[in-house]
Amino acid sequence: MNAVAKLEKMKREELVELLMSLPKRERAMCLFNVEVLRAKIADAKMVLDVEDDEEEVPGNNEGGSSSSAPVVPTPVTPQARKVASYAQSPQTPDLSSRGPSATASPTPATPSGSSAAITFATLSPTPAPAASTTYTIASLAKLSATEIVRLASGNAGVAGLPVPKADPLVVRATDEFVDDLMGKPVQMQKQQLGDKLWRVVKAFGIKGAPKITIALLDQEDLRSLAHLMNSYPAVLKEKALLVQAAISK
């Protein structure tokens, strides 16, 4: 509270409440680095401003049908471009690196193409399951947004994937939306995507939508997160619930 008071005079209690939802490591960085704190305060202010605007415009804050309708309108999903950039630096070691002893492994060798794709989940500590795994919404939600989009875009080749194929028109609109954001400062990118994401999370009926929105914007690739929001809302909802559970601990 003292640190925030030096940089911000308004809504200090609300700002501190949002900052306290950050992981322990990031909270510590806020105390030891003024610039980090300043950036996090800006993120929190953005969420508070969006929340204020939402309360003023609808005129009815009951969980009616009017607020949930706008959830699907803004498609977001540019995944192909991200796949190319991440796949350039795969981190999964080849089984052949073990030399002749590789034959002793009881598990069949994974094709080189999938090993590169597995490293795509750089934001998730949990490696992607093999292609033969039967997925559920809950298991997908534990992966990074980038990995979820990668799997979903190749739906035809993945067994048991519980999500529909993305609409090509939605994908194209998403690409255009995110491409337009790329020429702007990171803070503005988060603000514009966060405005849409916060409304979607709130429409799910999940408590703590502002905190969840900030956490998702900080943890996930923005392009993949936008695609997840518009093409795979069921997975986004499950991921938001996981974030909510982590914040409440």
C-alpha atoms as a PDB file:
ATOM      1  CA  MET A   1       0.000   0.000   0.000  1.00  0.00           C
ATOM      2  CA  ASN A   2       2.835   2.410   0.838  1.00  0.00           C
ATOM      3  CA  ALA A   3       4.599   1.689  -2.442  1.00  0.00           C
ATOM      4  CA  VAL A   4       1.414   2.216  -4.460  1.00  0.00           C
ATOM      5  CA  ALA A   5       0.626   5.431  -2.584  1.00  0.00           C
ATOM      6  CA  LYS A   6       3.884   6.946  -3.862  1.00  0.00           C
ATOM      7  CA  LEU A   7       2.808   6.448  -7.484  1.00  0.00           C
ATOM      8  CA  GLU A   8      -0.984   6.654  -7.416  1.00  0.00           C
ATOM      9  CA  LYS A   9      -3.411   8.778  -5.412  1.00  0.00           C
ATOM     10  CA  MET A  10      -6.729   7.365  -6.619  1.00  0.00           C
ATOM     11  CA  LYS A  11      -8.301   3.950  -5.957  1.00  0.00           C
ATOM     12  CA  ARG A  12      -5.280   2.749  -4.017  1.00  0.00           C
ATOM     13  CA  GLU A  13      -7.162   0.046  -2.124  1.00  0.00           C
ATOM     14  CA  GLU A  14      -8.633  -1.426  -5.326  1.00  0.00           C
ATOM     15  CA  LEU A  15      -5.223  -1.313  -7.014  1.00  0.00           C
ATOM     16  CA  VAL A  16      -3.534  -3.057  -4.093  1.00  0.00           C
ATOM     17  CA  GLU A  17      -6.238  -5.731  -4.085  1.00  0.00           C
ATOM     18  CA  LEU A  18      -5.530  -6.504  -7.739  1.00  0.00           C
ATOM     19  CA  LEU A  19      -1.764  -6.446  -7.227  1.00  0.00           C
ATOM     20  CA  MET A  20      -2.096  -8.912  -4.349  1.00  0.00           C
ATOM     21  CA  SER A  21      -3.595 -11.417  -6.814  1.00  0.00           C
ATOM     22  CA  LEU A  22      -0.271 -11.568  -8.659  1.00  0.00           C
ATOM     23  CA  PRO A  23       2.096 -14.515  -8.063  1.00  0.00           C
ATOM     24  CA  LYS A  24       4.435 -14.129  -5.087  1.00  0.00           C
ATOM     25  CA  ARG A  25       7.488 -13.591  -7.302  1.00  0.00           C
ATOM     26  CA  GLU A  26       5.837 -10.744  -9.220  1.00  0.00           C
ATOM     27  CA  ARG A  27       4.657  -9.088  -6.012  1.00  0.00           C
ATOM     28  CA  ALA A  28       8.238  -9.144  -4.776  1.00  0.00           C
ATOM     29  CA  MET A  29       9.469  -7.599  -8.032  1.00  0.00           C
ATOM     30  CA  CYS A  30       6.928  -4.815  -7.602  1.00  0.00           C
ATOM     31  CA  LEU A  31       8.488  -3.928  -4.255  1.00  0.00           C
ATOM     32  CA  PHE A  32      12.077  -4.021  -5.496  1.00  0.00           C
ATOM     33  CA  ASN A  33      11.609  -2.419  -8.918  1.00  0.00           C
ATOM     34  CA  VAL A  34       9.634   0.800  -9.277  1.00  0.00           C
ATOM     35  CA  GLU A  35       9.245   0.373 -13.037  1.00  0.00           C
ATOM     36  CA  VAL A  36       7.725  -3.084 -12.610  1.00  0.00           C
ATOM     37  CA  LEU A  37       5.338  -1.697 -10.004  1.00  0.00           C
ATOM     38  CA  ARG A  38       4.433   1.201 -12.279  1.00  0.00           C
ATOM     39  CA  ALA A  39       3.630  -1.215 -15.137  1.00  0.00           C
ATOM     40  CA  LYS A  40       1.509  -3.461 -12.907  1.00  0.00           C
ATOM     41  CA  ILE A  41      -0.393  -0.451 -11.572  1.00  0.00           C
ATOM     42  CA  ALA A  42      -1.125   0.576 -15.157  1.00  0.00           C
ATOM     43  CA  ASP A  43      -2.504  -2.901 -15.863  1.00  0.00           C
ATOM     44  CA  ALA A  44      -4.665  -2.787 -12.753  1.00  0.00           C
ATOM     45  CA  LYS A  45      -5.971   0.697 -13.601  1.00  0.00           C
ATOM     46  CA  MET A  46      -6.916  -0.526 -17.046  1.00  0.00           C
ATOM     47  CA  VAL A  47      -9.029  -3.315 -15.557  1.00  0.00           C
ATOM     48  CA  LEU A  48     -10.674  -0.972 -13.054  1.00  0.00           C
ATOM     49  CA  ASP A  49     -11.466   1.532 -15.808  1.00  0.00           C
ATOM     50  CA  VAL A  50     -13.019  -1.193 -17.957  1.00  0.00           C
ATOM     51  CA  GLU A  51     -15.084  -2.394 -15.009  1.00  0.00           C
ATOM     52  CA  ASP A  52     -16.339   1.146 -14.321  1.00  0.00           C
ATOM     53  CA  ASP A  53     -17.320   1.622 -17.961  1.00  0.00           C
ATOM     54  CA  GLU A  54     -19.181  -1.686 -18.000  1.00  0.00           C
ATOM     55  CA  GLU A  55     -21.184  -0.771 -14.909  1.00  0.00           C
ATOM     56  CA  GLU A  56     -22.201   2.567 -16.395  1.00  0.00           C
ATOM     57  CA  VAL A  57     -23.229   1.412 -19.882  1.00  0.00           C
ATOM     58  CA  PRO A  58     -25.450  -1.648 -19.370  1.00  0.00           C
ATOM     59  CA  GLY A  59     -27.740  -0.067 -16.784  1.00  0.00           C
ATOM     60  CA  ASN A  60     -28.563  -3.536 -15.536  1.00  0.00           C
ATOM     61  CA  ASN A  61     -25.875  -5.437 -13.703  1.00  0.00           C
ATOM     62  CA  GLU A  62     -27.956  -8.494 -13.171  1.00  0.00           C
ATOM     63  CA  GLY A  63     -26.644 -11.586 -14.905  1.00  0.00           C
ATOM     64  CA  GLY A  64     -29.213 -11.252 -17.679  1.00  0.00           C
ATOM     65  CA  SER A  65     -28.963 -12.267 -21.283  1.00  0.00           C
ATOM     66  CA  SER A  66     -28.016  -8.829 -22.603  1.00  0.00           C
ATOM     67  CA  SER A  67     -24.466  -8.881 -21.240  1.00  0.00           C
ATOM     68  CA  SER A  68     -23.623 -12.337 -22.473  1.00  0.00           C
ATOM     69  CA  ALA A  69     -24.640 -11.716 -26.093  1.00  0.00           C
ATOM     70  CA  PRO A  70     -21.568  -9.634 -27.034  1.00  0.00           C
ATOM     71  CA  VAL A  71     -19.223 -12.369 -25.921  1.00  0.00           C
ATOM     72  CA  VAL A  72     -18.801 -14.098 -29.287  1.00  0.00           C
ATOM     73  CA  PRO A  73     -18.655 -11.044 -31.587  1.00  0.00           C
ATOM     74  CA  THR A  74     -14.938 -10.405 -31.585  1.00  0.00           C
ATOM     75  CA  PRO A  75     -13.059 -13.352 -33.057  1.00  0.00           C
ATOM     76  CA  VAL A  76      -9.449 -13.726 -32.231  1.00  0.00           C
ATOM     77  CA  THR A  77      -7.125 -16.551 -33.283  1.00  0.00           C
ATOM     78  CA  PRO A  78      -3.940 -16.051 -35.182  1.00  0.00           C
ATOM     79  CA  GLN A  79      -2.190 -19.276 -34.469  1.00  0.00           C
ATOM     80  CA  ALA A  80      -0.355 -20.173 -37.610  1.00  0.00           C
ATOM     81  CA  ARG A  81       1.993 -17.228 -37.296  1.00  0.00           C
ATOM     82  CA  LYS A  82       2.876 -18.139 -33.708  1.00  0.00           C
ATOM     83  CA  VAL A  83       3.495 -21.768 -34.551  1.00  0.00           C
ATOM     84  CA  ALA A  84       6.125 -20.787 -37.065  1.00  0.00           C
ATOM     85  CA  SER A  85       8.031 -18.578 -34.647  1.00  0.00           C
ATOM     86  CA  TYR A  86       8.043 -20.992 -31.728  1.00  0.00           C
ATOM     87  CA  ALA A  87       8.839 -24.042 -33.793  1.00  0.00           C
ATOM     88  CA  GLN A  88      12.171 -22.511 -34.751  1.00  0.00           C
ATOM     89  CA  SER A  89      13.597 -23.238 -31.318  1.00  0.00           C
ATOM     90  CA  PRO A  90      12.313 -26.637 -30.163  1.00  0.00           C
ATOM     91  CA  GLN A  91      13.390 -27.607 -26.664  1.00  0.00           C
ATOM     92  CA  THR A  92      12.417 -31.284 -26.647  1.00  0.00           C
ATOM     93  CA  PRO A  93      15.553 -33.440 -27.008  1.00  0.00           C
ATOM     94  CA  ASP A  94      15.625 -36.104 -29.732  1.00  0.00           C
ATOM     95  CA  LEU A  95      15.399 -39.678 -28.511  1.00  0.00           C
ATOM     96  CA  SER A  96      18.395 -40.368 -30.761  1.00  0.00           C
ATOM     97  CA  SER A  97      20.565 -38.221 -28.492  1.00  0.00           C
ATOM     98  CA  ARG A  98      20.761 -41.197 -26.170  1.00  0.00           C
ATOM     99  CA  GLY A  99      22.676 -43.128 -28.823  1.00  0.00           C
ATOM    100  CA  PRO A 100      22.375 -46.919 -29.144  1.00  0.00           C
ATOM    101  CA  SER A 101      20.658 -47.158 -25.761  1.00  0.00           C
ATOM    102  CA  ALA A 102      17.591 -45.457 -27.252  1.00  0.00           C
ATOM    103  CA  THR A 103      16.380 -48.875 -28.355  1.00  0.00           C
ATOM    104  CA  ALA A 104      15.888 -49.784 -24.723  1.00  0.00           C
ATOM    105  CA  SER A 105      13.112 -47.259 -24.361  1.00  0.00           C
ATOM    106  CA  PRO A 106       9.687 -48.955 -24.012  1.00  0.00           C
ATOM    107  CA  THR A 107       7.952 -45.960 -25.586  1.00  0.00           C
ATOM    108  CA  PRO A 108       7.834 -45.598 -29.397  1.00  0.00           C
ATOM    109  CA  ALA A 109       9.840 -42.695 -30.736  1.00  0.00           C
ATOM    110  CA  THR A 110       7.818 -39.496 -31.190  1.00  0.00           C
ATOM    111  CA  PRO A 111       7.927 -38.038 -34.744  1.00  0.00           C
ATOM    112  CA  SER A 112      10.263 -35.077 -35.027  1.00  0.00           C
ATOM    113  CA  GLY A 113       7.434 -32.778 -36.135  1.00  0.00           C
ATOM    114  CA  SER A 114       5.489 -33.315 -32.931  1.00  0.00           C
ATOM    115  CA  SER A 115       8.558 -32.862 -30.743  1.00  0.00           C
ATOM    116  CA  ALA A 116       9.008 -29.375 -32.123  1.00  0.00           C
ATOM    117  CA  ALA A 117       5.361 -28.625 -31.548  1.00  0.00           C
ATOM    118  CA  ILE A 118       5.531 -29.821 -27.953  1.00  0.00           C
ATOM    119  CA  THR A 119       8.051 -27.081 -27.177  1.00  0.00           C
ATOM    120  CA  PHE A 120       5.386 -24.664 -28.312  1.00  0.00           C
ATOM    121  CA  ALA A 121       3.886 -24.810 -24.817  1.00  0.00           C
ATOM    122  CA  THR A 122       6.508 -22.491 -23.409  1.00  0.00           C
ATOM    123  CA  LEU A 123       4.019 -20.857 -21.086  1.00  0.00           C
ATOM    124  CA  SER A 124       2.865 -24.122 -19.540  1.00  0.00           C
ATOM    125  CA  PRO A 125       4.964 -26.251 -17.161  1.00  0.00           C
ATOM    126  CA  THR A 126       3.001 -29.316 -18.299  1.00  0.00           C
ATOM    127  CA  PRO A 127       4.191 -30.884 -21.583  1.00  0.00           C
ATOM    128  CA  ALA A 128       1.551 -31.570 -24.223  1.00  0.00           C
ATOM    129  CA  PRO A 129       0.182 -35.118 -24.205  1.00  0.00           C
ATOM    130  CA  ALA A 130       0.853 -37.380 -27.164  1.00  0.00           C
ATOM    131  CA  ALA A 131      -1.447 -37.134 -30.172  1.00  0.00           C
ATOM    132  CA  SER A 132      -3.111 -40.437 -29.270  1.00  0.00           C
ATOM    133  CA  THR A 133      -4.292 -39.064 -25.917  1.00  0.00           C
ATOM    134  CA  THR A 134      -8.029 -38.576 -25.478  1.00  0.00           C
ATOM    135  CA  TYR A 135      -8.486 -34.966 -24.467  1.00  0.00           C
ATOM    136  CA  THR A 136     -11.113 -33.365 -22.269  1.00  0.00           C
ATOM    137  CA  ILE A 137     -11.950 -29.699 -21.792  1.00  0.00           C
ATOM    138  CA  ALA A 138     -10.287 -29.883 -18.364  1.00  0.00           C
ATOM    139  CA  SER A 139      -7.055 -31.426 -19.688  1.00  0.00           C
ATOM    140  CA  LEU A 140      -6.849 -28.912 -22.534  1.00  0.00           C
ATOM    141  CA  ALA A 141      -7.309 -26.019 -20.103  1.00  0.00           C
ATOM    142  CA  LYS A 142      -4.121 -27.037 -18.262  1.00  0.00           C
ATOM    143  CA  LEU A 143      -2.073 -26.390 -21.401  1.00  0.00           C
ATOM    144  CA  SER A 144      -0.943 -22.963 -22.564  1.00  0.00           C
ATOM    145  CA  ALA A 145      -3.245 -21.051 -24.914  1.00  0.00           C
ATOM    146  CA  THR A 146      -0.612 -21.452 -27.622  1.00  0.00           C
ATOM    147  CA  GLU A 147      -0.589 -25.245 -27.325  1.00  0.00           C
ATOM    148  CA  ILE A 148      -4.391 -25.440 -27.174  1.00  0.00           C
ATOM    149  CA  VAL A 149      -4.703 -23.439 -30.393  1.00  0.00           C
ATOM    150  CA  ARG A 150      -2.025 -25.564 -32.067  1.00  0.00           C
ATOM    151  CA  LEU A 151      -3.867 -28.768 -31.228  1.00  0.00           C
ATOM    152  CA  ALA A 152      -7.271 -27.373 -32.136  1.00  0.00           C
ATOM    153  CA  SER A 153      -6.111 -26.056 -35.499  1.00  0.00           C
ATOM    154  CA  GLY A 154      -5.010 -29.598 -36.380  1.00  0.00           C
ATOM    155  CA  ASN A 155      -8.245 -31.095 -35.103  1.00  0.00           C
ATOM    156  CA  ALA A 156      -8.515 -33.658 -37.897  1.00  0.00           C
ATOM    157  CA  GLY A 157      -5.316 -35.392 -36.788  1.00  0.00           C
ATOM    158  CA  VAL A 158      -5.929 -35.452 -33.037  1.00  0.00           C
ATOM    159  CA  ALA A 159      -7.976 -38.192 -31.408  1.00  0.00           C
ATOM    160  CA  GLY A 160     -10.731 -37.249 -28.994  1.00  0.00           C
ATOM    161  CA  LEU A 161     -10.367 -33.448 -29.174  1.00  0.00           C
ATOM    162  CA  PRO A 162     -13.587 -32.033 -27.625  1.00  0.00           C
ATOM    163  CA  VAL A 163     -13.655 -28.734 -29.536  1.00  0.00           C
ATOM    164  CA  PRO A 164     -15.050 -27.824 -32.957  1.00  0.00           C
ATOM    165  CA  LYS A 165     -12.981 -26.715 -35.917  1.00  0.00           C
ATOM    166  CA  ALA A 166     -12.521 -22.940 -35.912  1.00  0.00           C
ATOM    167  CA  ASP A 167     -14.549 -20.932 -38.415  1.00  0.00           C
ATOM    168  CA  PRO A 168     -12.149 -19.656 -41.142  1.00  0.00           C
ATOM    169  CA  LEU A 169     -13.902 -16.277 -41.123  1.00  0.00           C
ATOM    170  CA  VAL A 170     -13.352 -16.001 -37.375  1.00  0.00           C
ATOM    171  CA  VAL A 171      -9.700 -16.924 -37.813  1.00  0.00           C
ATOM    172  CA  ARG A 172      -9.249 -14.271 -40.501  1.00  0.00           C
ATOM    173  CA  ALA A 173     -10.954 -11.577 -38.433  1.00  0.00           C
ATOM    174  CA  THR A 174      -8.812 -12.566 -35.464  1.00  0.00           C
ATOM    175  CA  ASP A 175      -5.629 -12.259 -37.492  1.00  0.00           C
ATOM    176  CA  GLU A 176      -6.619  -8.798 -38.626  1.00  0.00           C
ATOM    177  CA  PHE A 177      -7.511  -7.696 -35.100  1.00  0.00           C
ATOM    178  CA  VAL A 178      -4.266  -8.920 -33.540  1.00  0.00           C
ATOM    179  CA  ASP A 179      -2.122  -7.736 -36.469  1.00  0.00           C
ATOM    180  CA  ASP A 180      -3.508  -4.264 -35.873  1.00  0.00           C
ATOM    181  CA  LEU A 181      -2.527  -4.505 -32.193  1.00  0.00           C
ATOM    182  CA  MET A 182       1.038  -5.536 -32.995  1.00  0.00           C
ATOM    183  CA  GLY A 183       1.996  -2.029 -34.090  1.00  0.00           C
ATOM    184  CA  LYS A 184       0.990  -0.574 -30.718  1.00  0.00           C
ATOM    185  CA  PRO A 185       2.760  -0.515 -27.313  1.00  0.00           C
ATOM    186  CA  VAL A 186       2.398  -3.700 -25.269  1.00  0.00           C
ATOM    187  CA  GLN A 187       0.355  -1.881 -22.651  1.00  0.00           C
ATOM    188  CA  MET A 188      -2.164  -0.781 -25.278  1.00  0.00           C
ATOM    189  CA  GLN A 189      -2.266  -4.292 -26.764  1.00  0.00           C
ATOM    190  CA  LYS A 190      -3.196  -5.691 -23.351  1.00  0.00           C
ATOM    191  CA  GLN A 191      -5.732  -2.943 -22.759  1.00  0.00           C
ATOM    192  CA  GLN A 192      -7.626  -3.484 -26.005  1.00  0.00           C
ATOM    193  CA  LEU A 193      -7.602  -7.267 -25.793  1.00  0.00           C
ATOM    194  CA  GLY A 194      -8.246  -7.107 -22.045  1.00  0.00           C
ATOM    195  CA  ASP A 195     -11.384  -5.036 -22.602  1.00  0.00           C
ATOM    196  CA  LYS A 196     -12.895  -7.840 -24.687  1.00  0.00           C
ATOM    197  CA  LEU A 197     -11.485 -10.668 -22.565  1.00  0.00           C
ATOM    198  CA  TRP A 198     -12.806  -9.200 -19.313  1.00  0.00           C
ATOM    199  CA  ARG A 199     -16.332  -9.004 -20.727  1.00  0.00           C
ATOM    200  CA  VAL A 200     -16.157 -12.638 -21.827  1.00  0.00           C
ATOM    201  CA  VAL A 201     -14.863 -13.876 -18.448  1.00  0.00           C
ATOM    202  CA  LYS A 202     -17.488 -11.835 -16.627  1.00  0.00           C
ATOM    203  CA  ALA A 203     -20.219 -13.287 -18.848  1.00  0.00           C
ATOM    204  CA  PHE A 204     -19.129 -16.762 -17.718  1.00  0.00           C
ATOM    205  CA  GLY A 205     -20.386 -15.806 -14.254  1.00  0.00           C
ATOM    206  CA  ILE A 206     -16.971 -16.339 -12.680  1.00  0.00           C
ATOM    207  CA  LYS A 207     -16.146 -14.138  -9.674  1.00  0.00           C
ATOM    208  CA  GLY A 208     -12.980 -12.047  -9.750  1.00  0.00           C
ATOM    209  CA  ALA A 209     -13.099 -11.423 -13.511  1.00  0.00           C
ATOM    210  CA  PRO A 210     -10.682  -8.411 -13.341  1.00  0.00           C
ATOM    211  CA  LYS A 211      -8.005 -10.407 -11.502  1.00  0.00           C
ATOM    212  CA  ILE A 212      -8.443 -13.394 -13.795  1.00  0.00           C
ATOM    213  CA  THR A 213      -8.167 -11.141 -16.843  1.00  0.00           C
ATOM    214  CA  ILE A 214      -4.893  -9.614 -15.640  1.00  0.00           C
ATOM    215  CA  ALA A 215      -3.458 -13.061 -14.874  1.00  0.00           C
ATOM    216  CA  LEU A 216      -4.371 -14.416 -18.317  1.00  0.00           C
ATOM    217  CA  LEU A 217      -2.927 -11.369 -20.095  1.00  0.00           C
ATOM    218  CA  ASP A 218       0.335 -11.749 -18.145  1.00  0.00           C
ATOM    219  CA  GLN A 219       0.648 -15.528 -18.522  1.00  0.00           C
ATOM    220  CA  GLU A 220      -0.528 -16.222 -22.069  1.00  0.00           C
ATOM    221  CA  ASP A 221       0.472 -15.281 -25.597  1.00  0.00           C
ATOM    222  CA  LEU A 222      -1.966 -12.509 -26.600  1.00  0.00           C
ATOM    223  CA  ARG A 223      -2.650 -13.805 -30.107  1.00  0.00           C
ATOM    224  CA  SER A 224      -3.394 -17.344 -28.924  1.00  0.00           C
ATOM    225  CA  LEU A 225      -5.433 -16.037 -26.000  1.00  0.00           C
ATOM    226  CA  ALA A 226      -7.583 -13.996 -28.373  1.00  0.00           C
ATOM    227  CA  HIS A 227      -8.134 -17.056 -30.574  1.00  0.00           C
ATOM    228  CA  LEU A 228      -9.076 -19.092 -27.503  1.00  0.00           C
ATOM    229  CA  MET A 229     -11.558 -16.413 -26.453  1.00  0.00           C
ATOM    230  CA  ASN A 230     -13.448 -16.356 -29.749  1.00  0.00           C
ATOM    231  CA  SER A 231     -13.121 -19.877 -31.144  1.00  0.00           C
ATOM    232  CA  TYR A 232     -12.917 -22.080 -28.039  1.00  0.00           C
ATOM    233  CA  PRO A 233     -14.864 -20.328 -25.210  1.00  0.00           C
ATOM    234  CA  ALA A 234     -15.521 -23.591 -23.342  1.00  0.00           C
ATOM    235  CA  VAL A 235     -11.784 -24.142 -22.906  1.00  0.00           C
ATOM    236  CA  LEU A 236     -11.270 -20.483 -21.946  1.00  0.00           C
ATOM    237  CA  LYS A 237     -13.915 -20.808 -19.227  1.00  0.00           C
ATOM    238  CA  GLU A 238     -12.201 -23.871 -17.768  1.00  0.00           C
ATOM    239  CA  LYS A 239      -8.832 -22.099 -17.878  1.00  0.00           C
ATOM    240  CA  ALA A 240     -10.362 -19.065 -16.136  1.00  0.00           C
ATOM    241  CA  LEU A 241     -11.652 -21.352 -13.371  1.00  0.00           C
ATOM    242  CA  LEU A 242      -8.141 -22.772 -12.923  1.00  0.00           C
ATOM    243  CA  VAL A 243      -6.735 -19.246 -12.639  1.00  0.00           C
ATOM    244  CA  GLN A 244      -9.450 -18.335 -10.139  1.00  0.00           C
ATOM    245  CA  ALA A 245      -8.552 -21.356  -8.001  1.00  0.00           C
ATOM    246  CA  ALA A 246      -4.845 -20.444  -8.106  1.00  0.00           C
ATOM    247  CA  ILE A 247      -5.572 -16.835  -7.098  1.00  0.00           C
ATOM    248  CA  SER A 248      -7.777 -17.849  -4.178  1.00  0.00           C
ATOM    249  CA  LYS A 249      -5.074 -20.056  -2.617  1.00  0.00           C
END
